[in-house]
Every structure is written in structure tokens, then in C-alpha cells.
Amino acid sequence: MGFPIFNFGSRDLAIDLGTCNTVVYLRDRGVVIDEPSVVALEYGSGLPKVRAVGGDAKLMVGKTPANIRSVRPVRKGVIADL
């Protein structure tokens, strides 16, 4: 008898939030996403806005204006920058 909170039906999807890459695996299709764990955020008035994720954000590291910051939200296997 399992816990009802963990009863999501079939187990066809796996997500690995890795320090370097985020990987999404689908049963019968294999790995469908394998992207760097990087997010580019634009800071202005109010909440930060997501400008790029994955490979696009990685290309922006060190090449953005002062109001855009590229971050790696996962450090040492733990979500560090939510």
C-alpha cells in the first residue's frame, strides 16, 4: 500500500536536475532534453524576467549588460538559487 501523494499514475518521465546539465528522459523515446543548467535573468523594475535557459543562456555568460545575469541555479547537487 503506497502513499497517495506519490501515486502519479504511470512512470514514463524522469528529470535529472544536474549541476552541469538538466536531462529529461521519456520511456520509449529516451533522452528528449539535455541542456546546460543555466538561466539568464533580466533585472529591472519588479521581479526578474527569464530571458534565456539552457544552451542560449550559457552562450550569454560573461557577455551581457549589467541588468542581465546568467546563473547556475544548481550547485553541488542542490538547488541553490531559486
PDB file of N, CA and C in Angstrom:
ATOM      1  N   MET A   1       0.848  -1.178   0.000  1.00  0.00           N
ATOM      2  CA  MET A   1       0.000   0.000   0.000  1.00  0.00           C
ATOM      3  C   MET A   1       0.887   1.233   0.000  1.00  0.00           C
ATOM      4  N   GLY A   2       0.813   2.039  -1.036  1.00  0.00           N
ATOM      5  CA  GLY A   2       1.670   3.214  -1.170  1.00  0.00           C
ATOM      6  C   GLY A   2       0.992   4.462  -0.631  1.00  0.00           C
ATOM      7  N   PHE A   3       1.741   5.515  -0.624  1.00  0.00           N
ATOM      8  CA  PHE A   3       1.223   6.804  -0.205  1.00  0.00           C
ATOM      9  C   PHE A   3       0.491   7.447  -1.375  1.00  0.00           C
ATOM     10  N   PRO A   4      -0.742   7.946  -1.172  1.00  0.00           N
ATOM     11  CA  PRO A   4      -1.488   8.515  -2.298  1.00  0.00           C
ATOM     12  C   PRO A   4      -0.830   9.757  -2.893  1.00  0.00           C
ATOM     13  N   ILE A   5      -0.028  10.462  -2.122  1.00  0.00           N
ATOM     14  CA  ILE A   5       0.630  11.659  -2.651  1.00  0.00           C
ATOM     15  C   ILE A   5       1.642  11.308  -3.741  1.00  0.00           C
ATOM     16  N   PHE A   6       2.176  10.088  -3.701  1.00  0.00           N
ATOM     17  CA  PHE A   6       3.165   9.665  -4.680  1.00  0.00           C
ATOM     18  C   PHE A   6       2.563   8.833  -5.808  1.00  0.00           C
ATOM     19  N   ASN A   7       1.252   8.740  -5.896  1.00  0.00           N
ATOM     20  CA  ASN A   7       0.600   7.954  -6.928  1.00  0.00           C
ATOM     21  C   ASN A   7       0.306   8.844  -8.129  1.00  0.00           C
ATOM     22  N   PHE A   8       1.281   8.990  -9.010  1.00  0.00           N
ATOM     23  CA  PHE A   8       1.152   9.842 -10.185  1.00  0.00           C
ATOM     24  C   PHE A   8       0.723   9.071 -11.418  1.00  0.00           C
ATOM     25  N   GLY A   9       0.346   7.833 -11.269  1.00  0.00           N
ATOM     26  CA  GLY A   9      -0.018   7.024 -12.426  1.00  0.00           C
ATOM     27  C   GLY A   9       1.204   6.332 -12.992  1.00  0.00           C
ATOM     28  N   SER A  10       1.354   6.375 -14.295  1.00  0.00           N
ATOM     29  CA  SER A  10       2.481   5.695 -14.931  1.00  0.00           C
ATOM     30  C   SER A  10       3.786   6.438 -14.662  1.00  0.00           C
ATOM     31  N   ARG A  11       4.871   5.718 -14.760  1.00  0.00           N
ATOM     32  CA  ARG A  11       6.203   6.286 -14.529  1.00  0.00           C
ATOM     33  C   ARG A  11       6.957   6.342 -15.856  1.00  0.00           C
ATOM     34  N   ASP A  12       6.569   7.284 -16.680  1.00  0.00           N
ATOM     35  CA  ASP A  12       7.132   7.383 -18.022  1.00  0.00           C
ATOM     36  C   ASP A  12       8.101   8.545 -18.176  1.00  0.00           C
ATOM     37  N   LEU A  13       8.290   9.363 -17.159  1.00  0.00           N
ATOM     38  CA  LEU A  13       9.094  10.569 -17.253  1.00  0.00           C
ATOM     39  C   LEU A  13      10.095  10.613 -16.108  1.00  0.00           C
ATOM     40  N   ALA A  14      11.340  10.963 -16.430  1.00  0.00           N
ATOM     41  CA  ALA A  14      12.368  11.139 -15.406  1.00  0.00           C
ATOM     42  C   ALA A  14      13.091  12.447 -15.683  1.00  0.00           C
ATOM     43  N   ILE A  15      13.325  13.245 -14.628  1.00  0.00           N
ATOM     44  CA  ILE A  15      14.016  14.521 -14.756  1.00  0.00           C
ATOM     45  C   ILE A  15      15.211  14.507 -13.824  1.00  0.00           C
ATOM     46  N   ASP A  16      16.386  14.801 -14.362  1.00  0.00           N
ATOM     47  CA  ASP A  16      17.620  14.892 -13.584  1.00  0.00           C
ATOM     48  C   ASP A  16      18.072  16.350 -13.584  1.00  0.00           C
ATOM     49  N   LEU A  17      17.905  17.025 -12.441  1.00  0.00           N
ATOM     50  CA  LEU A  17      18.377  18.402 -12.299  1.00  0.00           C
ATOM     51  C   LEU A  17      19.837  18.357 -11.884  1.00  0.00           C
ATOM     52  N   GLY A  18      20.699  18.243 -12.850  1.00  0.00           N
ATOM     53  CA  GLY A  18      22.122  18.113 -12.574  1.00  0.00           C
ATOM     54  C   GLY A  18      22.811  19.455 -12.426  1.00  0.00           C
ATOM     55  N   THR A  19      24.005  19.431 -11.853  1.00  0.00           N
ATOM     56  CA  THR A  19      24.781  20.642 -11.660  1.00  0.00           C
ATOM     57  C   THR A  19      25.207  21.234 -13.000  1.00  0.00           C
ATOM     58  N   CYS A  20      25.614  20.396 -13.930  1.00  0.00           N
ATOM     59  CA  CYS A  20      26.042  20.886 -15.249  1.00  0.00           C
ATOM     60  C   CYS A  20      24.909  20.869 -16.264  1.00  0.00           C
ATOM     61  N   ASN A  21      24.183  19.768 -16.352  1.00  0.00           N
ATOM     62  CA  ASN A  21      23.109  19.628 -17.341  1.00  0.00           C
ATOM     63  C   ASN A  21      21.822  19.160 -16.693  1.00  0.00           C
ATOM     64  N   THR A  22      20.700  19.585 -17.273  1.00  0.00           N
ATOM     65  CA  THR A  22      19.388  19.071 -16.905  1.00  0.00           C
ATOM     66  C   THR A  22      18.966  18.116 -18.007  1.00  0.00           C
ATOM     67  N   VAL A  23      18.567  16.910 -17.618  1.00  0.00           N
ATOM     68  CA  VAL A  23      18.231  15.863 -18.580  1.00  0.00           C
ATOM     69  C   VAL A  23      16.797  15.408 -18.324  1.00  0.00           C
ATOM     70  N   VAL A  24      16.009  15.289 -19.396  1.00  0.00           N
ATOM     71  CA  VAL A  24      14.649  14.762 -19.318  1.00  0.00           C
ATOM     72  C   VAL A  24      14.600  13.496 -20.161  1.00  0.00           C
ATOM     73  N   TYR A  25      14.102  12.412 -19.555  1.00  0.00           N
ATOM     74  CA  TYR A  25      14.032  11.105 -20.202  1.00  0.00           C
ATOM     75  C   TYR A  25      12.569  10.681 -20.290  1.00  0.00           C
ATOM     76  N   LEU A  26      12.137  10.238 -21.462  1.00  0.00           N
ATOM     77  CA  LEU A  26      10.806   9.687 -21.660  1.00  0.00           C
ATOM     78  C   LEU A  26      10.919   8.223 -22.040  1.00  0.00           C
ATOM     79  N   ARG A  27      10.108   7.400 -21.397  1.00  0.00           N
ATOM     80  CA  ARG A  27      10.109   5.980 -21.735  1.00  0.00           C
ATOM     81  C   ARG A  27       9.732   5.806 -23.196  1.00  0.00           C
ATOM     82  N   ASP A  28      10.358   4.898 -23.842  1.00  0.00           N
ATOM     83  CA  ASP A  28      10.166   4.570 -25.262  1.00  0.00           C
ATOM     84  C   ASP A  28      10.739   5.617 -26.220  1.00  0.00           C
ATOM     85  N   ARG A  29      11.184   6.778 -25.720  1.00  0.00           N
ATOM     86  CA  ARG A  29      11.789   7.785 -26.595  1.00  0.00           C
ATOM     87  C   ARG A  29      13.217   8.108 -26.190  1.00  0.00           C
ATOM     88  N   GLY A  30      13.581   7.793 -24.957  1.00  0.00           N
ATOM     89  CA  GLY A  30      14.929   8.074 -24.481  1.00  0.00           C
ATOM     90  C   GLY A  30      15.068   9.505 -23.993  1.00  0.00           C
ATOM     91  N   VAL A  31      16.281  10.025 -24.065  1.00  0.00           N
ATOM     92  CA  VAL A  31      16.561  11.390 -23.613  1.00  0.00           C
ATOM     93  C   VAL A  31      15.995  12.361 -24.646  1.00  0.00           C
ATOM     94  N   VAL A  32      15.092  13.255 -24.200  1.00  0.00           N
ATOM     95  CA  VAL A  32      14.480  14.219 -25.115  1.00  0.00           C
ATOM     96  C   VAL A  32      15.029  15.631 -24.899  1.00  0.00           C
ATOM     97  N   ILE A  33      15.590  15.898 -23.732  1.00  0.00           N
ATOM     98  CA  ILE A  33      16.205  17.198 -23.442  1.00  0.00           C
ATOM     99  C   ILE A  33      17.496  16.952 -22.688  1.00  0.00           C
ATOM    100  N   ASP A  34      18.560  17.572 -23.128  1.00  0.00           N
ATOM    101  CA  ASP A  34      19.858  17.530 -22.444  1.00  0.00           C
ATOM    102  C   ASP A  34      20.474  18.914 -22.627  1.00  0.00           C
ATOM    103  N   GLU A  35      20.177  19.806 -21.691  1.00  0.00           N
ATOM    104  CA  GLU A  35      20.575  21.214 -21.789  1.00  0.00           C
ATOM    105  C   GLU A  35      21.404  21.620 -20.575  1.00  0.00           C
ATOM    106  N   PRO A  36      22.292  22.583 -20.739  1.00  0.00           N
ATOM    107  CA  PRO A  36      23.038  23.110 -19.591  1.00  0.00           C
ATOM    108  C   PRO A  36      22.085  23.706 -18.553  1.00  0.00           C
ATOM    109  N   SER A  37      22.404  23.553 -17.286  1.00  0.00           N
ATOM    110  CA  SER A  37      21.594  24.101 -16.193  1.00  0.00           C
ATOM    111  C   SER A  37      21.980  25.556 -15.952  1.00  0.00           C
ATOM    112  N   VAL A  38      21.568  26.432 -16.859  1.00  0.00           N
ATOM    113  CA  VAL A  38      21.878  27.862 -16.773  1.00  0.00           C
ATOM    114  C   VAL A  38      20.612  28.645 -17.109  1.00  0.00           C
ATOM    115  N   VAL A  39      20.397  29.750 -16.387  1.00  0.00           N
ATOM    116  CA  VAL A  39      19.257  30.629 -16.643  1.00  0.00           C
ATOM    117  C   VAL A  39      19.767  32.058 -16.724  1.00  0.00           C
ATOM    118  N   ALA A  40      19.336  32.811 -17.745  1.00  0.00           N
ATOM    119  CA  ALA A  40      19.674  34.235 -17.870  1.00  0.00           C
ATOM    120  C   ALA A  40      18.474  35.045 -17.408  1.00  0.00           C
ATOM    121  N   LEU A  41      18.687  35.885 -16.392  1.00  0.00           N
ATOM    122  CA  LEU A  41      17.624  36.697 -15.807  1.00  0.00           C
ATOM    123  C   LEU A  41      17.875  38.168 -16.084  1.00  0.00           C
ATOM    124  N   GLU A  42      16.809  38.887 -16.439  1.00  0.00           N
ATOM    125  CA  GLU A  42      16.904  40.333 -16.640  1.00  0.00           C
ATOM    126  C   GLU A  42      16.301  41.029 -15.426  1.00  0.00           C
ATOM    127  N   TYR A  43      17.095  41.889 -14.808  1.00  0.00           N
ATOM    128  CA  TYR A  43      16.653  42.625 -13.636  1.00  0.00           C
ATOM    129  C   TYR A  43      16.286  44.040 -14.043  1.00  0.00           C
ATOM    130  N   GLY A  44      15.141  44.478 -13.608  1.00  0.00           N
ATOM    131  CA  GLY A  44      14.670  45.834 -13.887  1.00  0.00           C
ATOM    132  C   GLY A  44      13.742  46.219 -12.753  1.00  0.00           C
ATOM    133  N   SER A  45      12.652  46.835 -13.093  1.00  0.00           N
ATOM    134  CA  SER A  45      11.672  47.159 -12.067  1.00  0.00           C
ATOM    135  C   SER A  45      10.805  45.928 -11.813  1.00  0.00           C
ATOM    136  N   GLY A  46      10.580  45.602 -10.556  1.00  0.00           N
ATOM    137  CA  GLY A  46       9.767  44.441 -10.208  1.00  0.00           C
ATOM    138  C   GLY A  46      10.572  43.154 -10.181  1.00  0.00           C
ATOM    139  N   LEU A  47       9.906  42.056 -10.473  1.00  0.00           N
ATOM    140  CA  LEU A  47      10.528  40.737 -10.430  1.00  0.00           C
ATOM    141  C   LEU A  47      11.446  40.529 -11.630  1.00  0.00           C
ATOM    142  N   PRO A  48      12.496  39.713 -11.462  1.00  0.00           N
ATOM    143  CA  PRO A  48      13.371  39.399 -12.604  1.00  0.00           C
ATOM    144  C   PRO A  48      12.596  38.627 -13.672  1.00  0.00           C
ATOM    145  N   LYS A  49      12.959  38.833 -14.931  1.00  0.00           N
ATOM    146  CA  LYS A  49      12.329  38.134 -16.053  1.00  0.00           C
ATOM    147  C   LYS A  49      13.322  37.153 -16.655  1.00  0.00           C
ATOM    148  N   VAL A  50      12.843  35.959 -16.971  1.00  0.00           N
ATOM    149  CA  VAL A  50      13.677  34.955 -17.613  1.00  0.00           C
ATOM    150  C   VAL A  50      13.850  35.341 -19.077  1.00  0.00           C
ATOM    151  N   ARG A  51      15.095  35.486 -19.516  1.00  0.00           N
ATOM    152  CA  ARG A  51      15.395  35.863 -20.900  1.00  0.00           C
ATOM    153  C   ARG A  51      15.887  34.679 -21.724  1.00  0.00           C
ATOM    154  N   ALA A  52      16.558  33.710 -21.088  1.00  0.00           N
ATOM    155  CA  ALA A  52      17.045  32.530 -21.820  1.00  0.00           C
ATOM    156  C   ALA A  52      17.301  31.410 -20.820  1.00  0.00           C
ATOM    157  N   VAL A  53      17.218  30.167 -21.302  1.00  0.00           N
ATOM    158  CA  VAL A  53      17.540  28.997 -20.483  1.00  0.00           C
ATOM    159  C   VAL A  53      18.383  28.040 -21.313  1.00  0.00           C
ATOM    160  N   GLY A  54      19.101  27.178 -20.621  1.00  0.00           N
ATOM    161  CA  GLY A  54      19.873  26.139 -21.295  1.00  0.00           C
ATOM    162  C   GLY A  54      21.041  26.662 -22.090  1.00  0.00           C
ATOM    163  N   GLY A  55      21.191  26.146 -23.299  1.00  0.00           N
ATOM    164  CA  GLY A  55      22.319  26.493 -24.162  1.00  0.00           C
ATOM    165  C   GLY A  55      22.365  27.968 -24.527  1.00  0.00           C
ATOM    166  N   ASP A  56      21.196  28.571 -24.752  1.00  0.00           N
ATOM    167  CA  ASP A  56      21.158  30.003 -25.074  1.00  0.00           C
ATOM    168  C   ASP A  56      21.679  30.839 -23.913  1.00  0.00           C
ATOM    169  N   ALA A  57      21.303  30.487 -22.694  1.00  0.00           N
ATOM    170  CA  ALA A  57      21.768  31.220 -21.518  1.00  0.00           C
ATOM    171  C   ALA A  57      23.259  30.997 -21.290  1.00  0.00           C
ATOM    172  N   LYS A  58      23.738  29.793 -21.577  1.00  0.00           N
ATOM    173  CA  LYS A  58      25.160  29.505 -21.407  1.00  0.00           C
ATOM    174  C   LYS A  58      26.005  30.364 -22.349  1.00  0.00           C
ATOM    175  N   LEU A  59      25.513  30.590 -23.564  1.00  0.00           N
ATOM    176  CA  LEU A  59      26.228  31.452 -24.507  1.00  0.00           C
ATOM    177  C   LEU A  59      26.300  32.896 -24.028  1.00  0.00           C
ATOM    178  N   MET A  60      25.381  33.295 -23.162  1.00  0.00           N
ATOM    179  CA  MET A  60      25.328  34.669 -22.666  1.00  0.00           C
ATOM    180  C   MET A  60      26.248  34.919 -21.471  1.00  0.00           C
ATOM    181  N   VAL A  61      26.782  33.858 -20.860  1.00  0.00           N
ATOM    182  CA  VAL A  61      27.623  34.019 -19.669  1.00  0.00           C
ATOM    183  C   VAL A  61      28.807  34.925 -19.987  1.00  0.00           C
ATOM    184  N   GLY A  62      28.944  36.001 -19.230  1.00  0.00           N
ATOM    185  CA  GLY A  62      30.052  36.936 -19.385  1.00  0.00           C
ATOM    186  C   GLY A  62      29.906  37.902 -20.547  1.00  0.00           C
ATOM    187  N   LYS A  63      28.773  37.850 -21.269  1.00  0.00           N
ATOM    188  CA  LYS A  63      28.603  38.697 -22.449  1.00  0.00           C
ATOM    189  C   LYS A  63      27.313  39.510 -22.387  1.00  0.00           C
ATOM    190  N   THR A  64      26.853  39.832 -21.192  1.00  0.00           N
ATOM    191  CA  THR A  64      25.572  40.508 -21.046  1.00  0.00           C
ATOM    192  C   THR A  64      25.748  41.878 -20.413  1.00  0.00           C
ATOM    193  N   PRO A  65      24.770  42.773 -20.622  1.00  0.00           N
ATOM    194  CA  PRO A  65      24.818  44.059 -19.937  1.00  0.00           C
ATOM    195  C   PRO A  65      24.578  43.880 -18.442  1.00  0.00           C
ATOM    196  N   ALA A  66      24.727  44.948 -17.689  1.00  0.00           N
ATOM    197  CA  ALA A  66      24.645  44.874 -16.228  1.00  0.00           C
ATOM    198  C   ALA A  66      23.285  44.416 -15.719  1.00  0.00           C
ATOM    199  N   ASN A  67      22.218  44.649 -16.473  1.00  0.00           N
ATOM    200  CA  ASN A  67      20.887  44.277 -15.985  1.00  0.00           C
ATOM    201  C   ASN A  67      20.505  42.827 -16.290  1.00  0.00           C
ATOM    202  N   ILE A  68      21.356  42.073 -16.983  1.00  0.00           N
ATOM    203  CA  ILE A  68      21.099  40.657 -17.256  1.00  0.00           C
ATOM    204  C   ILE A  68      22.203  39.828 -16.613  1.00  0.00           C
ATOM    205  N   ARG A  69      21.777  38.804 -15.855  1.00  0.00           N
ATOM    206  CA  ARG A  69      22.735  37.960 -15.146  1.00  0.00           C
ATOM    207  C   ARG A  69      22.455  36.505 -15.477  1.00  0.00           C
ATOM    208  N   SER A  70      23.486  35.762 -15.842  1.00  0.00           N
ATOM    209  CA  SER A  70      23.357  34.328 -16.087  1.00  0.00           C
ATOM    210  C   SER A  70      23.763  33.584 -14.821  1.00  0.00           C
ATOM    211  N   VAL A  71      22.886  32.682 -14.365  1.00  0.00           N
ATOM    212  CA  VAL A  71      23.130  31.965 -13.111  1.00  0.00           C
ATOM    213  C   VAL A  71      22.995  30.469 -13.332  1.00  0.00           C
ATOM    214  N   ARG A  72      23.691  29.716 -12.503  1.00  0.00           N
ATOM    215  CA  ARG A  72      23.537  28.268 -12.436  1.00  0.00           C
ATOM    216  C   ARG A  72      22.781  27.981 -11.143  1.00  0.00           C
ATOM    217  N   PRO A  73      21.480  27.685 -11.233  1.00  0.00           N
ATOM    218  CA  PRO A  73      20.680  27.527 -10.019  1.00  0.00           C
ATOM    219  C   PRO A  73      20.990  26.276  -9.203  1.00  0.00           C
ATOM    220  N   VAL A  74      21.685  25.299  -9.791  1.00  0.00           N
ATOM    221  CA  VAL A  74      22.021  24.067  -9.071  1.00  0.00           C
ATOM    222  C   VAL A  74      23.516  24.067  -8.786  1.00  0.00           C
ATOM    223  N   ARG A  75      23.875  23.961  -7.488  1.00  0.00           N
ATOM    224  CA  ARG A  75      25.276  23.899  -7.096  1.00  0.00           C
ATOM    225  C   ARG A  75      25.502  22.722  -6.170  1.00  0.00           C
ATOM    226  N   LYS A  76      26.501  21.921  -6.484  1.00  0.00           N
ATOM    227  CA  LYS A  76      26.844  20.742  -5.681  1.00  0.00           C
ATOM    228  C   LYS A  76      25.645  19.827  -5.485  1.00  0.00           C
ATOM    229  N   GLY A  77      24.808  19.715  -6.532  1.00  0.00           N
ATOM    230  CA  GLY A  77      23.668  18.809  -6.486  1.00  0.00           C
ATOM    231  C   GLY A  77      22.459  19.343  -5.734  1.00  0.00           C
ATOM    232  N   VAL A  78      22.470  20.613  -5.339  1.00  0.00           N
ATOM    233  CA  VAL A  78      21.370  21.189  -4.559  1.00  0.00           C
ATOM    234  C   VAL A  78      20.883  22.454  -5.267  1.00  0.00           C
ATOM    235  N   ILE A  79      19.564  22.661  -5.312  1.00  0.00           N
ATOM    236  CA  ILE A  79      19.025  23.904  -5.866  1.00  0.00           C
ATOM    237  C   ILE A  79      19.420  25.041  -4.935  1.00  0.00           C
ATOM    238  N   ALA A  80      20.281  25.928  -5.421  1.00  0.00           N
ATOM    239  CA  ALA A  80      20.855  26.970  -4.578  1.00  0.00           C
ATOM    240  C   ALA A  80      20.305  28.356  -4.892  1.00  0.00           C
ATOM    241  N   ASP A  81      19.783  28.563  -6.079  1.00  0.00           N
ATOM    242  CA  ASP A  81      19.291  29.869  -6.474  1.00  0.00           C
ATOM    243  C   ASP A  81      17.909  29.699  -7.081  1.00  0.00           C
ATOM    244  N   LEU A  82      16.878  29.794  -6.243  1.00  0.00           N
ATOM    245  CA  LEU A  82      15.517  29.552  -6.699  1.00  0.00           C
ATOM    246  C   LEU A  82      14.971  30.801  -7.343  1.00  0.00           C
TER     247      LEU A  82
END
